[in-house]
Amino acid sequence: EPLNLHAPLVQRLARDFGATWIDET
């Protein structure tokens, strides 16, 4: 998870709802 670039609700998607952080690679 990237640090402090995202609104809390975006961070919450990964933390509480299992969203995966991905990028162009």
PDB file of all heavy atoms in Angstrom:
ATOM      1  N   GLU A   1       0.832  -1.203   0.000  1.00  0.00           N
ATOM      2  CA  GLU A   1       0.000   0.000   0.000  1.00  0.00           C
ATOM      3  C   GLU A   1       0.864   1.250   0.000  1.00  0.00           C
ATOM      4  O   GLU A   1       1.777   1.389   0.805  1.00  0.00           O
ATOM      5  CB  GLU A   1      -0.897   0.015   1.242  1.00  0.00           C
ATOM      6  CG  GLU A   1      -1.737   1.249   1.335  1.00  0.00           C
ATOM      7  CD  GLU A   1      -2.662   1.257   2.532  1.00  0.00           C
ATOM      8  OE1 GLU A   1      -2.790   0.253   3.215  1.00  0.00           O
ATOM      9  OE2 GLU A   1      -3.257   2.313   2.776  1.00  0.00           O
ATOM     10  N   PRO A   2       0.602   2.169  -0.917  1.00  0.00           N
ATOM     11  CA  PRO A   2       1.327   3.435  -0.920  1.00  0.00           C
ATOM     12  C   PRO A   2       0.933   4.263   0.300  1.00  0.00           C
ATOM     13  O   PRO A   2      -0.202   4.181   0.760  1.00  0.00           O
ATOM     14  CB  PRO A   2       0.855   4.125  -2.197  1.00  0.00           C
ATOM     15  CG  PRO A   2      -0.100   3.217  -2.855  1.00  0.00           C
ATOM     16  CD  PRO A   2      -0.347   2.055  -1.976  1.00  0.00           C
ATOM     17  N   LEU A   3       1.866   5.003   0.806  1.00  0.00           N
ATOM     18  CA  LEU A   3       1.605   5.776   2.010  1.00  0.00           C
ATOM     19  C   LEU A   3       1.094   7.174   1.690  1.00  0.00           C
ATOM     20  O   LEU A   3       1.531   7.793   0.738  1.00  0.00           O
ATOM     21  CB  LEU A   3       2.880   5.877   2.851  1.00  0.00           C
ATOM     22  CG  LEU A   3       3.451   4.540   3.305  1.00  0.00           C
ATOM     23  CD1 LEU A   3       4.763   4.755   4.033  1.00  0.00           C
ATOM     24  CD2 LEU A   3       2.455   3.802   4.182  1.00  0.00           C
ATOM     25  N   ASN A   4       0.182   7.626   2.483  1.00  0.00           N
ATOM     26  CA  ASN A   4      -0.374   8.985   2.538  1.00  0.00           C
ATOM     27  C   ASN A   4      -0.623   9.681   1.197  1.00  0.00           C
ATOM     28  O   ASN A   4      -0.518  10.887   1.101  1.00  0.00           O
ATOM     29  CB  ASN A   4       0.451   9.890   3.457  1.00  0.00           C
ATOM     30  CG  ASN A   4       1.894  10.025   3.071  1.00  0.00           C
ATOM     31  OD1 ASN A   4       2.268   9.720   1.960  1.00  0.00           O
ATOM     32  ND2 ASN A   4       2.695  10.473   4.005  1.00  0.00           N
ATOM     33  N   LEU A   5      -0.952   8.950   0.162  1.00  0.00           N
ATOM     34  CA  LEU A   5      -1.331   9.575  -1.095  1.00  0.00           C
ATOM     35  C   LEU A   5      -2.827   9.480  -1.350  1.00  0.00           C
ATOM     36  O   LEU A   5      -3.312  10.051  -2.307  1.00  0.00           O
ATOM     37  CB  LEU A   5      -0.617   8.900  -2.276  1.00  0.00           C
ATOM     38  CG  LEU A   5       0.868   9.134  -2.401  1.00  0.00           C
ATOM     39  CD1 LEU A   5       1.425   8.339  -3.579  1.00  0.00           C
ATOM     40  CD2 LEU A   5       1.174  10.600  -2.585  1.00  0.00           C
ATOM     41  N   HIS A   6      -3.527   8.761  -0.520  1.00  0.00           N
ATOM     42  CA  HIS A   6      -4.915   8.450  -0.811  1.00  0.00           C
ATOM     43  C   HIS A   6      -5.855   8.876   0.301  1.00  0.00           C
ATOM     44  O   HIS A   6      -5.497   8.873   1.467  1.00  0.00           O
ATOM     45  CB  HIS A   6      -5.085   6.949  -1.045  1.00  0.00           C
ATOM     46  CG  HIS A   6      -4.348   6.494  -2.255  1.00  0.00           C
ATOM     47  ND1 HIS A   6      -4.829   6.686  -3.523  1.00  0.00           N
ATOM     48  CD2 HIS A   6      -3.152   5.911  -2.393  1.00  0.00           C
ATOM     49  CE1 HIS A   6      -3.956   6.217  -4.389  1.00  0.00           C
ATOM     50  NE2 HIS A   6      -2.925   5.749  -3.730  1.00  0.00           N
ATOM     51  N   ALA A   7      -7.055   9.185  -0.117  1.00  0.00           N
ATOM     52  CA  ALA A   7      -8.112   9.492   0.842  1.00  0.00           C
ATOM     53  C   ALA A   7      -8.366   8.253   1.702  1.00  0.00           C
ATOM     54  O   ALA A   7      -8.189   7.124   1.232  1.00  0.00           O
ATOM     55  CB  ALA A   7      -9.379   9.892   0.091  1.00  0.00           C
ATOM     56  N   PRO A   8      -8.786   8.434   2.927  1.00  0.00           N
ATOM     57  CA  PRO A   8      -9.045   7.296   3.809  1.00  0.00           C
ATOM     58  C   PRO A   8     -10.004   6.260   3.217  1.00  0.00           C
ATOM     59  O   PRO A   8      -9.809   5.058   3.430  1.00  0.00           O
ATOM     60  CB  PRO A   8      -9.634   7.941   5.064  1.00  0.00           C
ATOM     61  CG  PRO A   8      -9.034   9.312   5.088  1.00  0.00           C
ATOM     62  CD  PRO A   8      -8.933   9.712   3.633  1.00  0.00           C
ATOM     63  N   LEU A   9     -11.011   6.683   2.459  1.00  0.00           N
ATOM     64  CA  LEU A   9     -11.945   5.704   1.888  1.00  0.00           C
ATOM     65  C   LEU A   9     -11.290   4.848   0.815  1.00  0.00           C
ATOM     66  O   LEU A   9     -11.663   3.687   0.620  1.00  0.00           O
ATOM     67  CB  LEU A   9     -13.192   6.392   1.340  1.00  0.00           C
ATOM     68  CG  LEU A   9     -14.186   6.878   2.383  1.00  0.00           C
ATOM     69  CD1 LEU A   9     -15.329   7.642   1.727  1.00  0.00           C
ATOM     70  CD2 LEU A   9     -14.728   5.727   3.210  1.00  0.00           C
ATOM     71  N   VAL A  10     -10.304   5.380   0.116  1.00  0.00           N
ATOM     72  CA  VAL A  10      -9.571   4.593  -0.864  1.00  0.00           C
ATOM     73  C   VAL A  10      -8.677   3.590  -0.136  1.00  0.00           C
ATOM     74  O   VAL A  10      -8.644   2.403  -0.472  1.00  0.00           O
ATOM     75  CB  VAL A  10      -8.746   5.491  -1.808  1.00  0.00           C
ATOM     76  CG1 VAL A  10      -7.873   4.656  -2.730  1.00  0.00           C
ATOM     77  CG2 VAL A  10      -9.670   6.396  -2.614  1.00  0.00           C
ATOM     78  N   GLN A  11      -7.975   4.037   0.886  1.00  0.00           N
ATOM     79  CA  GLN A  11      -7.143   3.139   1.688  1.00  0.00           C
ATOM     80  C   GLN A  11      -7.993   2.047   2.331  1.00  0.00           C
ATOM     81  O   GLN A  11      -7.565   0.894   2.424  1.00  0.00           O
ATOM     82  CB  GLN A  11      -6.397   3.929   2.755  1.00  0.00           C
ATOM     83  CG  GLN A  11      -5.371   4.864   2.178  1.00  0.00           C
ATOM     84  CD  GLN A  11      -4.691   5.698   3.236  1.00  0.00           C
ATOM     85  OE1 GLN A  11      -4.781   5.430   4.433  1.00  0.00           O
ATOM     86  NE2 GLN A  11      -3.990   6.735   2.811  1.00  0.00           N
ATOM     87  N   ARG A  12      -9.194   2.397   2.750  1.00  0.00           N
ATOM     88  CA  ARG A  12     -10.107   1.451   3.382  1.00  0.00           C
ATOM     89  C   ARG A  12     -10.481   0.299   2.446  1.00  0.00           C
ATOM     90  O   ARG A  12     -10.706  -0.821   2.889  1.00  0.00           O
ATOM     91  CB  ARG A  12     -11.360   2.201   3.833  1.00  0.00           C
ATOM     92  CG  ARG A  12     -12.378   1.369   4.523  1.00  0.00           C
ATOM     93  CD  ARG A  12     -13.548   2.257   4.970  1.00  0.00           C
ATOM     94  NE  ARG A  12     -14.745   1.469   4.913  1.00  0.00           N
ATOM     95  CZ  ARG A  12     -15.863   1.814   4.349  1.00  0.00           C
ATOM     96  NH1 ARG A  12     -15.984   2.996   3.774  1.00  0.00           N
ATOM     97  NH2 ARG A  12     -16.899   1.026   4.340  1.00  0.00           N
ATOM     98  N   LEU A  13     -10.561   0.557   1.151  1.00  0.00           N
ATOM     99  CA  LEU A  13     -10.880  -0.509   0.197  1.00  0.00           C
ATOM    100  C   LEU A  13      -9.884  -1.655   0.313  1.00  0.00           C
ATOM    101  O   LEU A  13     -10.260  -2.822   0.283  1.00  0.00           O
ATOM    102  CB  LEU A  13     -10.899   0.027  -1.231  1.00  0.00           C
ATOM    103  CG  LEU A  13     -12.113   0.831  -1.627  1.00  0.00           C
ATOM    104  CD1 LEU A  13     -11.897   1.498  -2.984  1.00  0.00           C
ATOM    105  CD2 LEU A  13     -13.346  -0.052  -1.668  1.00  0.00           C
ATOM    106  N   ALA A  14      -8.603  -1.326   0.426  1.00  0.00           N
ATOM    107  CA  ALA A  14      -7.579  -2.360   0.564  1.00  0.00           C
ATOM    108  C   ALA A  14      -7.573  -2.935   1.980  1.00  0.00           C
ATOM    109  O   ALA A  14      -7.547  -4.153   2.163  1.00  0.00           O
ATOM    110  CB  ALA A  14      -6.214  -1.800   0.212  1.00  0.00           C
ATOM    111  N   ARG A  15      -7.635  -2.086   2.953  1.00  0.00           N
ATOM    112  CA  ARG A  15      -7.523  -2.528   4.346  1.00  0.00           C
ATOM    113  C   ARG A  15      -8.719  -3.356   4.795  1.00  0.00           C
ATOM    114  O   ARG A  15      -8.551  -4.414   5.410  1.00  0.00           O
ATOM    115  CB  ARG A  15      -7.361  -1.295   5.244  1.00  0.00           C
ATOM    116  CG  ARG A  15      -7.105  -1.630   6.704  1.00  0.00           C
ATOM    117  CD  ARG A  15      -7.076  -0.392   7.583  1.00  0.00           C
ATOM    118  NE  ARG A  15      -8.396   0.248   7.586  1.00  0.00           N
ATOM    119  CZ  ARG A  15      -8.633   1.495   7.175  1.00  0.00           C
ATOM    120  NH1 ARG A  15      -7.650   2.245   6.717  1.00  0.00           N
ATOM    121  NH2 ARG A  15      -9.840   2.006   7.207  1.00  0.00           N
ATOM    122  N   ASP A  16      -9.936  -2.907   4.484  1.00  0.00           N
ATOM    123  CA  ASP A  16     -11.131  -3.552   5.036  1.00  0.00           C
ATOM    124  C   ASP A  16     -11.915  -4.395   4.042  1.00  0.00           C
ATOM    125  O   ASP A  16     -12.736  -5.205   4.449  1.00  0.00           O
ATOM    126  CB  ASP A  16     -12.077  -2.494   5.612  1.00  0.00           C
ATOM    127  CG  ASP A  16     -11.461  -1.715   6.769  1.00  0.00           C
ATOM    128  OD1 ASP A  16     -10.445  -2.167   7.330  1.00  0.00           O
ATOM    129  OD2 ASP A  16     -11.988  -0.640   7.094  1.00  0.00           O
ATOM    130  N   PHE A  17     -11.690  -4.200   2.750  1.00  0.00           N
ATOM    131  CA  PHE A  17     -12.515  -4.893   1.755  1.00  0.00           C
ATOM    132  C   PHE A  17     -11.704  -5.740   0.771  1.00  0.00           C
ATOM    133  O   PHE A  17     -12.227  -6.184  -0.240  1.00  0.00           O
ATOM    134  CB  PHE A  17     -13.403  -3.893   1.005  1.00  0.00           C
ATOM    135  CG  PHE A  17     -14.415  -3.248   1.906  1.00  0.00           C
ATOM    136  CD1 PHE A  17     -14.179  -1.995   2.442  1.00  0.00           C
ATOM    137  CD2 PHE A  17     -15.577  -3.919   2.264  1.00  0.00           C
ATOM    138  CE1 PHE A  17     -15.106  -1.405   3.295  1.00  0.00           C
ATOM    139  CE2 PHE A  17     -16.498  -3.339   3.121  1.00  0.00           C
ATOM    140  CZ  PHE A  17     -16.259  -2.081   3.636  1.00  0.00           C
ATOM    141  N   GLY A  18     -10.430  -5.926   1.064  1.00  0.00           N
ATOM    142  CA  GLY A  18      -9.632  -6.857   0.281  1.00  0.00           C
ATOM    143  C   GLY A  18      -9.193  -6.394  -1.090  1.00  0.00           C
ATOM    144  O   GLY A  18      -8.747  -7.206  -1.904  1.00  0.00           O
ATOM    145  N   ALA A  19      -9.291  -5.102  -1.380  1.00  0.00           N
ATOM    146  CA  ALA A  19      -8.818  -4.609  -2.674  1.00  0.00           C
ATOM    147  C   ALA A  19      -7.299  -4.773  -2.756  1.00  0.00           C
ATOM    148  O   ALA A  19      -6.596  -4.673  -1.761  1.00  0.00           O
ATOM    149  CB  ALA A  19      -9.204  -3.146  -2.871  1.00  0.00           C
ATOM    150  N   THR A  20      -6.835  -5.031  -3.955  1.00  0.00           N
ATOM    151  CA  THR A  20      -5.418  -5.224  -4.225  1.00  0.00           C
ATOM    152  C   THR A  20      -4.830  -3.936  -4.789  1.00  0.00           C
ATOM    153  O   THR A  20      -5.434  -3.309  -5.652  1.00  0.00           O
ATOM    154  CB  THR A  20      -5.242  -6.349  -5.273  1.00  0.00           C
ATOM    155  OG1 THR A  20      -5.851  -7.529  -4.774  1.00  0.00           O
ATOM    156  CG2 THR A  20      -3.789  -6.612  -5.561  1.00  0.00           C
ATOM    157  N   TRP A  21      -3.646  -3.545  -4.310  1.00  0.00           N
ATOM    158  CA  TRP A  21      -2.943  -2.409  -4.892  1.00  0.00           C
ATOM    159  C   TRP A  21      -2.221  -2.901  -6.137  1.00  0.00           C
ATOM    160  O   TRP A  21      -1.458  -3.869  -6.076  1.00  0.00           O
ATOM    161  CB  TRP A  21      -1.927  -1.815  -3.910  1.00  0.00           C
ATOM    162  CG  TRP A  21      -2.559  -1.093  -2.776  1.00  0.00           C
ATOM    163  CD1 TRP A  21      -2.738  -1.553  -1.509  1.00  0.00           C
ATOM    164  CD2 TRP A  21      -3.104   0.223  -2.792  1.00  0.00           C
ATOM    165  NE1 TRP A  21      -3.363  -0.609  -0.738  1.00  0.00           N
ATOM    166  CE2 TRP A  21      -3.599   0.498  -1.494  1.00  0.00           C
ATOM    167  CE3 TRP A  21      -3.223   1.208  -3.775  1.00  0.00           C
ATOM    168  CZ2 TRP A  21      -4.199   1.713  -1.167  1.00  0.00           C
ATOM    169  CZ3 TRP A  21      -3.830   2.420  -3.441  1.00  0.00           C
ATOM    170  CH2 TRP A  21      -4.304   2.664  -2.151  1.00  0.00           C
ATOM    171  N   ILE A  22      -2.472  -2.267  -7.280  1.00  0.00           N
ATOM    172  CA  ILE A  22      -1.825  -2.642  -8.537  1.00  0.00           C
ATOM    173  C   ILE A  22      -1.300  -1.388  -9.225  1.00  0.00           C
ATOM    174  O   ILE A  22      -1.678  -0.273  -8.869  1.00  0.00           O
ATOM    175  CB  ILE A  22      -2.789  -3.404  -9.481  1.00  0.00           C
ATOM    176  CG1 ILE A  22      -3.985  -2.532  -9.856  1.00  0.00           C
ATOM    177  CG2 ILE A  22      -3.207  -4.741  -8.869  1.00  0.00           C
ATOM    178  CD1 ILE A  22      -4.860  -3.143 -10.941  1.00  0.00           C
ATOM    179  N   ASP A  23      -0.457  -1.589 -10.222  1.00  0.00           N
ATOM    180  CA  ASP A  23       0.033  -0.469 -11.023  1.00  0.00           C
ATOM    181  C   ASP A  23       0.155  -0.935 -12.470  1.00  0.00           C
ATOM    182  O   ASP A  23      -0.319  -2.025 -12.813  1.00  0.00           O
ATOM    183  CB  ASP A  23       1.351   0.086 -10.476  1.00  0.00           C
ATOM    184  CG  ASP A  23       2.475  -0.938 -10.470  1.00  0.00           C
ATOM    185  OD1 ASP A  23       2.389  -1.961 -11.196  1.00  0.00           O
ATOM    186  OD2 ASP A  23       3.459  -0.718  -9.750  1.00  0.00           O
ATOM    187  N   GLU A  24       0.788  -0.127 -13.315  1.00  0.00           N
ATOM    188  CA  GLU A  24       0.859  -0.455 -14.738  1.00  0.00           C
ATOM    189  C   GLU A  24       1.672  -1.724 -15.002  1.00  0.00           C
ATOM    190  O   GLU A  24       1.516  -2.358 -16.041  1.00  0.00           O
ATOM    191  CB  GLU A  24       1.404   0.725 -15.548  1.00  0.00           C
ATOM    192  CG  GLU A  24       2.887   0.998 -15.381  1.00  0.00           C
ATOM    193  CD  GLU A  24       3.259   1.771 -14.114  1.00  0.00           C
ATOM    194  OE1 GLU A  24       2.383   2.046 -13.266  1.00  0.00           O
ATOM    195  OE2 GLU A  24       4.440   2.109 -13.969  1.00  0.00           O
ATOM    196  N   THR A  25       2.521  -2.123 -14.066  1.00  0.00           N
ATOM    197  CA  THR A  25       3.308  -3.336 -14.264  1.00  0.00           C
ATOM    198  C   THR A  25       2.582  -4.591 -13.797  1.00  0.00           C
ATOM    199  O   THR A  25       2.953  -5.696 -14.186  1.00  0.00           O
ATOM    200  CB  THR A  25       4.666  -3.252 -13.540  1.00  0.00           C
ATOM    201  OG1 THR A  25       4.437  -3.189 -12.128  1.00  0.00           O
ATOM    202  CG2 THR A  25       5.464  -2.050 -14.008  1.00  0.00           C
TER     203      THR A  25
END
